[in-house]
Amino acid sequence: IRAVYNGQSLISPSMASKLLSEFAAMIKTKDDRPQLPTPRLTD
């Protein structure tokens, strides 16, 4: 509770591995839908 209150995000370790697997799938997936311009983040 204190960690989240201070701005951290928390995931149980077993679920974090699933999230990383999803990240990998996202990288490989090609989306053919028209893409809106991505908001520009600074370096």
ModelCIF file with pLDDT and N, C-alpha, C, O atoms, coordinates in Angstrom:
data_MODEL
#
_entry.id   MODEL 
#
_entity.id                         1 
_entity.type                       polymer 
_entity.pdbx_number_of_molecules   1 
#
_entity_poly.entity_id                      1 
_entity_poly.type                           'polypeptide(L)' 
_entity_poly.nstd_linkage                   no 
_entity_poly.nstd_monomer                   no 
_entity_poly.pdbx_seq_one_letter_code       IRAVYNGQSLISPSMASKLLSEFAAMIKTKDDRPQLPTPRLTD 
_entity_poly.pdbx_seq_one_letter_code_can   IRAVYNGQSLISPSMASKLLSEFAAMIKTKDDRPQLPTPRLTD 
_entity_poly.pdbx_strand_id                 A 
#
loop_
_entity_poly_seq.entity_id 
_entity_poly_seq.num 
_entity_poly_seq.mon_id 
_entity_poly_seq.hetero 
1 1  ILE n 
1 2  ARG n 
1 3  ALA n 
1 4  VAL n 
1 5  TYR n 
1 6  ASN n 
1 7  GLY n 
1 8  GLN n 
1 9  SER n 
1 10 LEU n 
1 11 ILE n 
1 12 SER n 
1 13 PRO n 
1 14 SER n 
1 15 MET n 
1 16 ALA n 
1 17 SER n 
1 18 LYS n 
1 19 LEU n 
1 20 LEU n 
1 21 SER n 
1 22 GLU n 
1 23 PHE n 
1 24 ALA n 
1 25 ALA n 
1 26 MET n 
1 27 ILE n 
1 28 LYS n 
1 29 THR n 
1 30 LYS n 
1 31 ASP n 
1 32 ASP n 
1 33 ARG n 
1 34 PRO n 
1 35 GLN n 
1 36 LEU n 
1 37 PRO n 
1 38 THR n 
1 39 PRO n 
1 40 ARG n 
1 41 LEU n 
1 42 THR n 
1 43 ASP n 
#
_struct_asym.id          A 
_struct_asym.entity_id   1 
#
loop_
_ma_qa_metric.id 
_ma_qa_metric.mode 
_ma_qa_metric.name 
_ma_qa_metric.software_group_id 
_ma_qa_metric.type 
1 global pLDDT . pLDDT 
2 local  pLDDT . pLDDT 
#
_ma_qa_metric_global.metric_id      1 
_ma_qa_metric_global.metric_value   68.37 
_ma_qa_metric_global.model_id       1 
_ma_qa_metric_global.ordinal_id     1 
#
loop_
_ma_qa_metric_local.label_asym_id 
_ma_qa_metric_local.label_comp_id 
_ma_qa_metric_local.label_seq_id 
_ma_qa_metric_local.metric_id 
_ma_qa_metric_local.metric_value 
_ma_qa_metric_local.model_id 
_ma_qa_metric_local.ordinal_id 
A ILE 1  2 94.00 1 1  
A ARG 2  2 93.00 1 2  
A ALA 3  2 89.00 1 3  
A VAL 4  2 91.00 1 4  
A TYR 5  2 92.00 1 5  
A ASN 6  2 88.00 1 6  
A GLY 7  2 82.00 1 7  
A GLN 8  2 82.00 1 8  
A SER 9  2 79.00 1 9  
A LEU 10 2 82.00 1 10 
A ILE 11 2 82.00 1 11 
A SER 12 2 76.00 1 12 
A PRO 13 2 71.00 1 13 
A SER 14 2 71.00 1 14 
A MET 15 2 76.00 1 15 
A ALA 16 2 69.00 1 16 
A SER 17 2 64.00 1 17 
A LYS 18 2 64.00 1 18 
A LEU 19 2 65.00 1 19 
A LEU 20 2 59.00 1 20 
A SER 21 2 62.00 1 21 
A GLU 22 2 60.00 1 22 
A PHE 23 2 57.00 1 23 
A ALA 24 2 55.00 1 24 
A ALA 25 2 59.00 1 25 
A MET 26 2 53.00 1 26 
A ILE 27 2 50.00 1 27 
A LYS 28 2 54.00 1 28 
A THR 29 2 52.00 1 29 
A LYS 30 2 46.00 1 30 
A ASP 31 2 49.00 1 31 
A ASP 32 2 46.00 1 32 
A ARG 33 2 46.00 1 33 
A PRO 34 2 46.00 1 34 
A GLN 35 2 52.00 1 35 
A LEU 36 2 48.00 1 36 
A PRO 37 2 55.00 1 37 
A THR 38 2 60.00 1 38 
A PRO 39 2 71.00 1 39 
A ARG 40 2 83.00 1 40 
A LEU 41 2 87.00 1 41 
A THR 42 2 90.00 1 42 
A ASP 43 2 90.00 1 43 
#
loop_
_atom_site.group_PDB 
_atom_site.id 
_atom_site.type_symbol 
_atom_site.label_atom_id 
_atom_site.label_alt_id 
_atom_site.label_comp_id 
_atom_site.label_asym_id 
_atom_site.label_entity_id 
_atom_site.label_seq_id 
_atom_site.pdbx_PDB_ins_code 
_atom_site.Cartn_x 
_atom_site.Cartn_y 
_atom_site.Cartn_z 
_atom_site.occupancy 
_atom_site.B_iso_or_equiv 
_atom_site.pdbx_formal_charge 
_atom_site.auth_seq_id 
_atom_site.auth_comp_id 
_atom_site.auth_asym_id 
_atom_site.auth_atom_id 
_atom_site.pdbx_PDB_model_num 
ATOM 1   N N  . ILE A 1 1  ? 0.841  -1.197  0.000   1.00 94.00 ? 1  ILE A N  1 
ATOM 2   C CA . ILE A 1 1  ? 0.000  0.000   0.000   1.00 94.00 ? 1  ILE A CA 1 
ATOM 3   C C  . ILE A 1 1  ? 0.874  1.244   0.000   1.00 94.00 ? 1  ILE A C  1 
ATOM 4   O O  . ILE A 1 1  ? 0.617  2.184   -0.752  1.00 94.00 ? 1  ILE A O  1 
ATOM 5   N N  . ARG A 1 2  ? 1.901  1.255   0.834   1.00 93.00 ? 2  ARG A N  1 
ATOM 6   C CA . ARG A 1 2  ? 2.793  2.421   0.892   1.00 93.00 ? 2  ARG A CA 1 
ATOM 7   C C  . ARG A 1 2  ? 3.518  2.615   -0.441  1.00 93.00 ? 2  ARG A C  1 
ATOM 8   O O  . ARG A 1 2  ? 3.686  3.744   -0.903  1.00 93.00 ? 2  ARG A O  1 
ATOM 9   N N  . ALA A 1 3  ? 3.942  1.519   -1.051  1.00 89.00 ? 3  ALA A N  1 
ATOM 10  C CA . ALA A 1 3  ? 4.674  1.617   -2.316  1.00 89.00 ? 3  ALA A CA 1 
ATOM 11  C C  . ALA A 1 3  ? 3.797  2.220   -3.406  1.00 89.00 ? 3  ALA A C  1 
ATOM 12  O O  . ALA A 1 3  ? 4.242  3.099   -4.144  1.00 89.00 ? 3  ALA A O  1 
ATOM 13  N N  . VAL A 1 4  ? 2.552  1.753   -3.514  1.00 91.00 ? 4  VAL A N  1 
ATOM 14  C CA . VAL A 1 4  ? 1.651  2.279   -4.532  1.00 91.00 ? 4  VAL A CA 1 
ATOM 15  C C  . VAL A 1 4  ? 1.293  3.731   -4.225  1.00 91.00 ? 4  VAL A C  1 
ATOM 16  O O  . VAL A 1 4  ? 1.206  4.556   -5.134  1.00 91.00 ? 4  VAL A O  1 
ATOM 17  N N  . TYR A 1 5  ? 1.087  4.041   -2.964  1.00 92.00 ? 5  TYR A N  1 
ATOM 18  C CA . TYR A 1 5  ? 0.802  5.422   -2.556  1.00 92.00 ? 5  TYR A CA 1 
ATOM 19  C C  . TYR A 1 5  ? 1.915  6.368   -3.007  1.00 92.00 ? 5  TYR A C  1 
ATOM 20  O O  . TYR A 1 5  ? 1.667  7.522   -3.356  1.00 92.00 ? 5  TYR A O  1 
ATOM 21  N N  . ASN A 1 6  ? 3.150  5.852   -2.992  1.00 88.00 ? 6  ASN A N  1 
ATOM 22  C CA . ASN A 1 6  ? 4.309  6.660   -3.389  1.00 88.00 ? 6  ASN A CA 1 
ATOM 23  C C  . ASN A 1 6  ? 4.618  6.577   -4.880  1.00 88.00 ? 6  ASN A C  1 
ATOM 24  O O  . ASN A 1 6  ? 5.670  7.035   -5.327  1.00 88.00 ? 6  ASN A O  1 
ATOM 25  N N  . GLY A 1 7  ? 3.707  5.995   -5.644  1.00 82.00 ? 7  GLY A N  1 
ATOM 26  C CA . GLY A 1 7  ? 3.837  6.048   -7.095  1.00 82.00 ? 7  GLY A CA 1 
ATOM 27  C C  . GLY A 1 7  ? 4.389  4.829   -7.776  1.00 82.00 ? 7  GLY A C  1 
ATOM 28  O O  . GLY A 1 7  ? 4.576  4.838   -8.993  1.00 82.00 ? 7  GLY A O  1 
ATOM 29  N N  . GLN A 1 8  ? 4.660  3.763   -7.021  1.00 82.00 ? 8  GLN A N  1 
ATOM 30  C CA . GLN A 1 8  ? 5.186  2.549   -7.639  1.00 82.00 ? 8  GLN A CA 1 
ATOM 31  C C  . GLN A 1 8  ? 4.056  1.676   -8.175  1.00 82.00 ? 8  GLN A C  1 
ATOM 32  O O  . GLN A 1 8  ? 2.922  1.746   -7.700  1.00 82.00 ? 8  GLN A O  1 
ATOM 33  N N  . SER A 1 9  ? 4.377  0.859   -9.164  1.00 79.00 ? 9  SER A N  1 
ATOM 34  C CA . SER A 1 9  ? 3.440  -0.132  -9.679  1.00 79.00 ? 9  SER A CA 1 
ATOM 35  C C  . SER A 1 9  ? 3.918  -1.502  -9.241  1.00 79.00 ? 9  SER A C  1 
ATOM 36  O O  . SER A 1 9  ? 5.114  -1.790  -9.281  1.00 79.00 ? 9  SER A O  1 
ATOM 37  N N  . LEU A 1 10 ? 2.985  -2.350  -8.823  1.00 82.00 ? 10 LEU A N  1 
ATOM 38  C CA . LEU A 1 10 ? 3.359  -3.650  -8.282  1.00 82.00 ? 10 LEU A CA 1 
ATOM 39  C C  . LEU A 1 10 ? 2.629  -4.778  -9.000  1.00 82.00 ? 10 LEU A C  1 
ATOM 40  O O  . LEU A 1 10 ? 1.427  -4.689  -9.247  1.00 82.00 ? 10 LEU A O  1 
ATOM 41  N N  . ILE A 1 11 ? 3.357  -5.838  -9.332  1.00 82.00 ? 11 ILE A N  1 
ATOM 42  C CA . ILE A 1 11 ? 2.759  -7.028  -9.912  1.00 82.00 ? 11 ILE A CA 1 
ATOM 43  C C  . ILE A 1 11 ? 3.375  -8.242  -9.234  1.00 82.00 ? 11 ILE A C  1 
ATOM 44  O O  . ILE A 1 11 ? 4.591  -8.309  -9.053  1.00 82.00 ? 11 ILE A O  1 
ATOM 45  N N  . SER A 1 12 ? 2.535  -9.201  -8.861  1.00 76.00 ? 12 SER A N  1 
ATOM 46  C CA . SER A 1 12 ? 3.066  -10.447 -8.301  1.00 76.00 ? 12 SER A CA 1 
ATOM 47  C C  . SER A 1 12 ? 4.033  -11.077 -9.299  1.00 76.00 ? 12 SER A C  1 
ATOM 48  O O  . SER A 1 12 ? 3.762  -11.060 -10.499 1.00 76.00 ? 12 SER A O  1 
ATOM 49  N N  . PRO A 1 13 ? 5.153  -11.633 -8.834  1.00 71.00 ? 13 PRO A N  1 
ATOM 50  C CA . PRO A 1 13 ? 6.178  -12.169 -9.741  1.00 71.00 ? 13 PRO A CA 1 
ATOM 51  C C  . PRO A 1 13 ? 5.641  -13.130 -10.788 1.00 71.00 ? 13 PRO A C  1 
ATOM 52  O O  . PRO A 1 13 ? 6.045  -13.062 -11.948 1.00 71.00 ? 13 PRO A O  1 
ATOM 53  N N  . SER A 1 14 ? 4.731  -14.028 -10.399 1.00 71.00 ? 14 SER A N  1 
ATOM 54  C CA . SER A 1 14 ? 4.207  -14.993 -11.363 1.00 71.00 ? 14 SER A CA 1 
ATOM 55  C C  . SER A 1 14 ? 3.416  -14.314 -12.465 1.00 71.00 ? 14 SER A C  1 
ATOM 56  O O  . SER A 1 14 ? 3.367  -14.807 -13.592 1.00 71.00 ? 14 SER A O  1 
ATOM 57  N N  . MET A 1 15 ? 2.791  -13.177 -12.146 1.00 76.00 ? 15 MET A N  1 
ATOM 58  C CA . MET A 1 15 ? 2.026  -12.439 -13.142 1.00 76.00 ? 15 MET A CA 1 
ATOM 59  C C  . MET A 1 15 ? 2.941  -11.555 -13.986 1.00 76.00 ? 15 MET A C  1 
ATOM 60  O O  . MET A 1 15 ? 2.652  -11.297 -15.155 1.00 76.00 ? 15 MET A O  1 
ATOM 61  N N  . ALA A 1 16 ? 4.039  -11.091 -13.399 1.00 69.00 ? 16 ALA A N  1 
ATOM 62  C CA . ALA A 1 16 ? 4.972  -10.244 -14.138 1.00 69.00 ? 16 ALA A CA 1 
ATOM 63  C C  . ALA A 1 16 ? 5.560  -10.995 -15.329 1.00 69.00 ? 16 ALA A C  1 
ATOM 64  O O  . ALA A 1 16 ? 5.769  -10.407 -16.390 1.00 69.00 ? 16 ALA A O  1 
ATOM 65  N N  . SER A 1 17 ? 5.828  -12.289 -15.160 1.00 64.00 ? 17 SER A N  1 
ATOM 66  C CA . SER A 1 17 ? 6.378  -13.067 -16.270 1.00 64.00 ? 17 SER A CA 1 
ATOM 67  C C  . SER A 1 17 ? 5.375  -13.153 -17.416 1.00 64.00 ? 17 SER A C  1 
ATOM 68  O O  . SER A 1 17 ? 5.762  -13.146 -18.585 1.00 64.00 ? 17 SER A O  1 
ATOM 69  N N  . LYS A 1 18 ? 4.091  -13.235 -17.083 1.00 64.00 ? 18 LYS A N  1 
ATOM 70  C CA . LYS A 1 18 ? 3.060  -13.268 -18.120 1.00 64.00 ? 18 LYS A CA 1 
ATOM 71  C C  . LYS A 1 18 ? 2.990  -11.930 -18.840 1.00 64.00 ? 18 LYS A C  1 
ATOM 72  O O  . LYS A 1 18 ? 2.770  -11.874 -20.050 1.00 64.00 ? 18 LYS A O  1 
ATOM 73  N N  . LEU A 1 19 ? 3.180  -10.847 -18.078 1.00 65.00 ? 19 LEU A N  1 
ATOM 74  C CA . LEU A 1 19 ? 3.139  -9.517  -18.684 1.00 65.00 ? 19 LEU A CA 1 
ATOM 75  C C  . LEU A 1 19 ? 4.302  -9.343  -19.651 1.00 65.00 ? 19 LEU A C  1 
ATOM 76  O O  . LEU A 1 19 ? 4.130  -8.786  -20.735 1.00 65.00 ? 19 LEU A O  1 
ATOM 77  N N  . LEU A 1 20 ? 5.479  -9.813  -19.269 1.00 59.00 ? 20 LEU A N  1 
ATOM 78  C CA . LEU A 1 20 ? 6.641  -9.707  -20.149 1.00 59.00 ? 20 LEU A CA 1 
ATOM 79  C C  . LEU A 1 20 ? 6.450  -10.548 -21.411 1.00 59.00 ? 20 LEU A C  1 
ATOM 80  O O  . LEU A 1 20 ? 6.893  -10.164 -22.494 1.00 59.00 ? 20 LEU A O  1 
ATOM 81  N N  . SER A 1 21 ? 5.793  -11.691 -21.265 1.00 62.00 ? 21 SER A N  1 
ATOM 82  C CA . SER A 1 21 ? 5.500  -12.510 -22.444 1.00 62.00 ? 21 SER A CA 1 
ATOM 83  C C  . SER A 1 21 ? 4.576  -11.766 -23.397 1.00 62.00 ? 21 SER A C  1 
ATOM 84  O O  . SER A 1 21 ? 4.720  -11.844 -24.617 1.00 62.00 ? 21 SER A O  1 
ATOM 85  N N  . GLU A 1 22 ? 3.630  -11.048 -22.820 1.00 60.00 ? 22 GLU A N  1 
ATOM 86  C CA . GLU A 1 22 ? 2.713  -10.263 -23.647 1.00 60.00 ? 22 GLU A CA 1 
ATOM 87  C C  . GLU A 1 22 ? 3.460  -9.135  -24.345 1.00 60.00 ? 22 GLU A C  1 
ATOM 88  O O  . GLU A 1 22 ? 3.179  -8.820  -25.501 1.00 60.00 ? 22 GLU A O  1 
ATOM 89  N N  . PHE A 1 23 ? 4.413  -8.526  -23.642 1.00 57.00 ? 23 PHE A N  1 
ATOM 90  C CA . PHE A 1 23 ? 5.240  -7.486  -24.260 1.00 57.00 ? 23 PHE A CA 1 
ATOM 91  C C  . PHE A 1 23 ? 5.952  -8.045  -25.493 1.00 57.00 ? 23 PHE A C  1 
ATOM 92  O O  . PHE A 1 23 ? 5.964  -7.423  -26.555 1.00 57.00 ? 23 PHE A O  1 
ATOM 93  N N  . ALA A 1 24 ? 6.542  -9.226  -25.332 1.00 55.00 ? 24 ALA A N  1 
ATOM 94  C CA . ALA A 1 24 ? 7.266  -9.838  -26.452 1.00 55.00 ? 24 ALA A CA 1 
ATOM 95  C C  . ALA A 1 24 ? 6.334  -10.083 -27.634 1.00 55.00 ? 24 ALA A C  1 
ATOM 96  O O  . ALA A 1 24 ? 6.710  -9.886  -28.789 1.00 55.00 ? 24 ALA A O  1 
ATOM 97  N N  . ALA A 1 25 ? 5.111  -10.516 -27.327 1.00 59.00 ? 25 ALA A N  1 
ATOM 98  C CA . ALA A 1 25 ? 4.138  -10.760 -28.400 1.00 59.00 ? 25 ALA A CA 1 
ATOM 99  C C  . ALA A 1 25 ? 3.765  -9.453  -29.092 1.00 59.00 ? 25 ALA A C  1 
ATOM 100 O O  . ALA A 1 25 ? 3.578  -9.417  -30.308 1.00 59.00 ? 25 ALA A O  1 
ATOM 101 N N  . MET A 1 26 ? 3.658  -8.381  -28.308 1.00 53.00 ? 26 MET A N  1 
ATOM 102 C CA . MET A 1 26 ? 3.329  -7.079  -28.883 1.00 53.00 ? 26 MET A CA 1 
ATOM 103 C C  . MET A 1 26 ? 4.396  -6.614  -29.869 1.00 53.00 ? 26 MET A C  1 
ATOM 104 O O  . MET A 1 26 ? 4.093  -6.045  -30.918 1.00 53.00 ? 26 MET A O  1 
ATOM 105 N N  . ILE A 1 27 ? 5.655  -6.872  -29.505 1.00 50.00 ? 27 ILE A N  1 
ATOM 106 C CA . ILE A 1 27 ? 6.754  -6.440  -30.368 1.00 50.00 ? 27 ILE A CA 1 
ATOM 107 C C  . ILE A 1 27 ? 6.680  -7.144  -31.719 1.00 50.00 ? 27 ILE A C  1 
ATOM 108 O O  . ILE A 1 27 ? 6.963  -6.538  -32.752 1.00 50.00 ? 27 ILE A O  1 
ATOM 109 N N  . LYS A 1 28 ? 6.297  -8.430  -31.715 1.00 54.00 ? 28 LYS A N  1 
ATOM 110 C CA . LYS A 1 28 ? 6.277  -9.224  -32.932 1.00 54.00 ? 28 LYS A CA 1 
ATOM 111 C C  . LYS A 1 28 ? 5.010  -9.010  -33.764 1.00 54.00 ? 28 LYS A C  1 
ATOM 112 O O  . LYS A 1 28 ? 4.994  -9.267  -34.968 1.00 54.00 ? 28 LYS A O  1 
ATOM 113 N N  . THR A 1 29 ? 3.950  -8.535  -33.101 1.00 52.00 ? 29 THR A N  1 
ATOM 114 C CA . THR A 1 29 ? 2.670  -8.392  -33.789 1.00 52.00 ? 29 THR A CA 1 
ATOM 115 C C  . THR A 1 29 ? 2.652  -7.142  -34.663 1.00 52.00 ? 29 THR A C  1 
ATOM 116 O O  . THR A 1 29 ? 3.052  -6.062  -34.230 1.00 52.00 ? 29 THR A O  1 
ATOM 117 N N  . LYS A 1 30 ? 2.190  -7.301  -35.875 1.00 46.00 ? 30 LYS A N  1 
ATOM 118 C CA . LYS A 1 30 ? 2.054  -6.162  -36.770 1.00 46.00 ? 30 LYS A CA 1 
ATOM 119 C C  . LYS A 1 30 ? 0.587  -5.807  -36.895 1.00 46.00 ? 30 LYS A C  1 
ATOM 120 O O  . LYS A 1 30 ? -0.244 -6.643  -37.249 1.00 46.00 ? 30 LYS A O  1 
ATOM 121 N N  . ASP A 1 31 ? 0.285  -4.565  -36.601 1.00 49.00 ? 31 ASP A N  1 
ATOM 122 C CA . ASP A 1 31 ? -1.102 -4.098  -36.638 1.00 49.00 ? 31 ASP A CA 1 
ATOM 123 C C  . ASP A 1 31 ? -1.311 -3.361  -37.947 1.00 49.00 ? 31 ASP A C  1 
ATOM 124 O O  . ASP A 1 31 ? -0.631 -2.374  -38.223 1.00 49.00 ? 31 ASP A O  1 
ATOM 125 N N  . ASP A 1 32 ? -2.258 -3.840  -38.763 1.00 46.00 ? 32 ASP A N  1 
ATOM 126 C CA . ASP A 1 32 ? -2.510 -3.230  -40.065 1.00 46.00 ? 32 ASP A CA 1 
ATOM 127 C C  . ASP A 1 32 ? -3.477 -2.057  -40.007 1.00 46.00 ? 32 ASP A C  1 
ATOM 128 O O  . ASP A 1 32 ? -3.714 -1.396  -41.017 1.00 46.00 ? 32 ASP A O  1 
ATOM 129 N N  . ARG A 1 33 ? -4.036 -1.797  -38.833 1.00 46.00 ? 33 ARG A N  1 
ATOM 130 C CA . ARG A 1 33 ? -4.980 -0.684  -38.746 1.00 46.00 ? 33 ARG A CA 1 
ATOM 131 C C  . ARG A 1 33 ? -4.245 0.641   -38.874 1.00 46.00 ? 33 ARG A C  1 
ATOM 132 O O  . ARG A 1 33 ? -3.073 0.736   -38.509 1.00 46.00 ? 33 ARG A O  1 
ATOM 133 N N  . PRO A 1 34 ? -4.939 1.695   -39.405 1.00 46.00 ? 34 PRO A N  1 
ATOM 134 C CA . PRO A 1 34 ? -4.303 3.016   -39.488 1.00 46.00 ? 34 PRO A CA 1 
ATOM 135 C C  . PRO A 1 34 ? -3.882 3.487   -38.099 1.00 46.00 ? 34 PRO A C  1 
ATOM 136 O O  . PRO A 1 34 ? -4.655 3.409   -37.144 1.00 46.00 ? 34 PRO A O  1 
ATOM 137 N N  . GLN A 1 35 ? -2.664 3.969   -38.000 1.00 52.00 ? 35 GLN A N  1 
ATOM 138 C CA . GLN A 1 35 ? -2.139 4.401   -36.706 1.00 52.00 ? 35 GLN A CA 1 
ATOM 139 C C  . GLN A 1 35 ? -2.243 5.913   -36.551 1.00 52.00 ? 35 GLN A C  1 
ATOM 140 O O  . GLN A 1 35 ? -1.920 6.670   -37.466 1.00 52.00 ? 35 GLN A O  1 
ATOM 141 N N  . LEU A 1 36 ? -2.699 6.338   -35.374 1.00 48.00 ? 36 LEU A N  1 
ATOM 142 C CA . LEU A 1 36 ? -2.716 7.762   -35.081 1.00 48.00 ? 36 LEU A CA 1 
ATOM 143 C C  . LEU A 1 36 ? -1.301 8.212   -34.736 1.00 48.00 ? 36 LEU A C  1 
ATOM 144 O O  . LEU A 1 36 ? -0.503 7.403   -34.261 1.00 48.00 ? 36 LEU A O  1 
ATOM 145 N N  . PRO A 1 37 ? -0.974 9.474   -34.961 1.00 55.00 ? 37 PRO A N  1 
ATOM 146 C CA . PRO A 1 37 ? 0.369  9.955   -34.601 1.00 55.00 ? 37 PRO A CA 1 
ATOM 147 C C  . PRO A 1 37 ? 0.652  9.711   -33.125 1.00 55.00 ? 37 PRO A C  1 
ATOM 148 O O  . PRO A 1 37 ? -0.182 10.006  -32.269 1.00 55.00 ? 37 PRO A O  1 
ATOM 149 N N  . THR A 1 38 ? 1.814  9.179   -32.835 1.00 60.00 ? 38 THR A N  1 
ATOM 150 C CA . THR A 1 38 ? 2.191  8.911   -31.451 1.00 60.00 ? 38 THR A CA 1 
ATOM 151 C C  . THR A 1 38 ? 2.630  10.197  -30.769 1.00 60.00 ? 38 THR A C  1 
ATOM 152 O O  . THR A 1 38 ? 3.458  10.923  -31.318 1.00 60.00 ? 38 THR A O  1 
ATOM 153 N N  . PRO A 1 39 ? 2.093  10.503  -29.577 1.00 71.00 ? 39 PRO A N  1 
ATOM 154 C CA . PRO A 1 39 ? 2.530  11.706  -28.864 1.00 71.00 ? 39 PRO A CA 1 
ATOM 155 C C  . PRO A 1 39 ? 4.043  11.680  -28.669 1.00 71.00 ? 39 PRO A C  1 
ATOM 156 O O  . PRO A 1 39 ? 4.610  10.639  -28.335 1.00 71.00 ? 39 PRO A O  1 
ATOM 157 N N  . ARG A 1 40 ? 4.687  12.806  -28.873 1.00 83.00 ? 40 ARG A N  1 
ATOM 158 C CA . ARG A 1 40 ? 6.139  12.861  -28.810 1.00 83.00 ? 40 ARG A CA 1 
ATOM 159 C C  . ARG A 1 40 ? 6.617  13.021  -27.373 1.00 83.00 ? 40 ARG A C  1 
ATOM 160 O O  . ARG A 1 40 ? 6.244  13.969  -26.681 1.00 83.00 ? 40 ARG A O  1 
ATOM 161 N N  . LEU A 1 41 ? 7.444  12.085  -26.938 1.00 87.00 ? 41 LEU A N  1 
ATOM 162 C CA . LEU A 1 41 ? 8.065  12.173  -25.624 1.00 87.00 ? 41 LEU A CA 1 
ATOM 163 C C  . LEU A 1 41 ? 9.472  12.724  -25.776 1.00 87.00 ? 41 LEU A C  1 
ATOM 164 O O  . LEU A 1 41 ? 10.143 12.463  -26.774 1.00 87.00 ? 41 LEU A O  1 
ATOM 165 N N  . THR A 1 42 ? 9.916  13.482  -24.791 1.00 90.00 ? 42 THR A N  1 
ATOM 166 C CA . THR A 1 42 ? 11.272 14.008  -24.820 1.00 90.00 ? 42 THR A CA 1 
ATOM 167 C C  . THR A 1 42 ? 12.268 12.870  -24.570 1.00 90.00 ? 42 THR A C  1 
ATOM 168 O O  . THR A 1 42 ? 11.887 11.789  -24.121 1.00 90.00 ? 42 THR A O  1 
ATOM 169 N N  . ASP A 1 43 ? 13.534 13.123  -24.864 1.00 90.00 ? 43 ASP A N  1 
ATOM 170 C CA . ASP A 1 43 ? 14.565 12.105  -24.625 1.00 90.00 ? 43 ASP A CA 1 
ATOM 171 C C  . ASP A 1 43 ? 14.607 11.692  -23.151 1.00 90.00 ? 43 ASP A C  1 
ATOM 172 O O  . ASP A 1 43 ? 15.415 10.845  -22.771 1.00 90.00 ? 43 ASP A O  1 
#
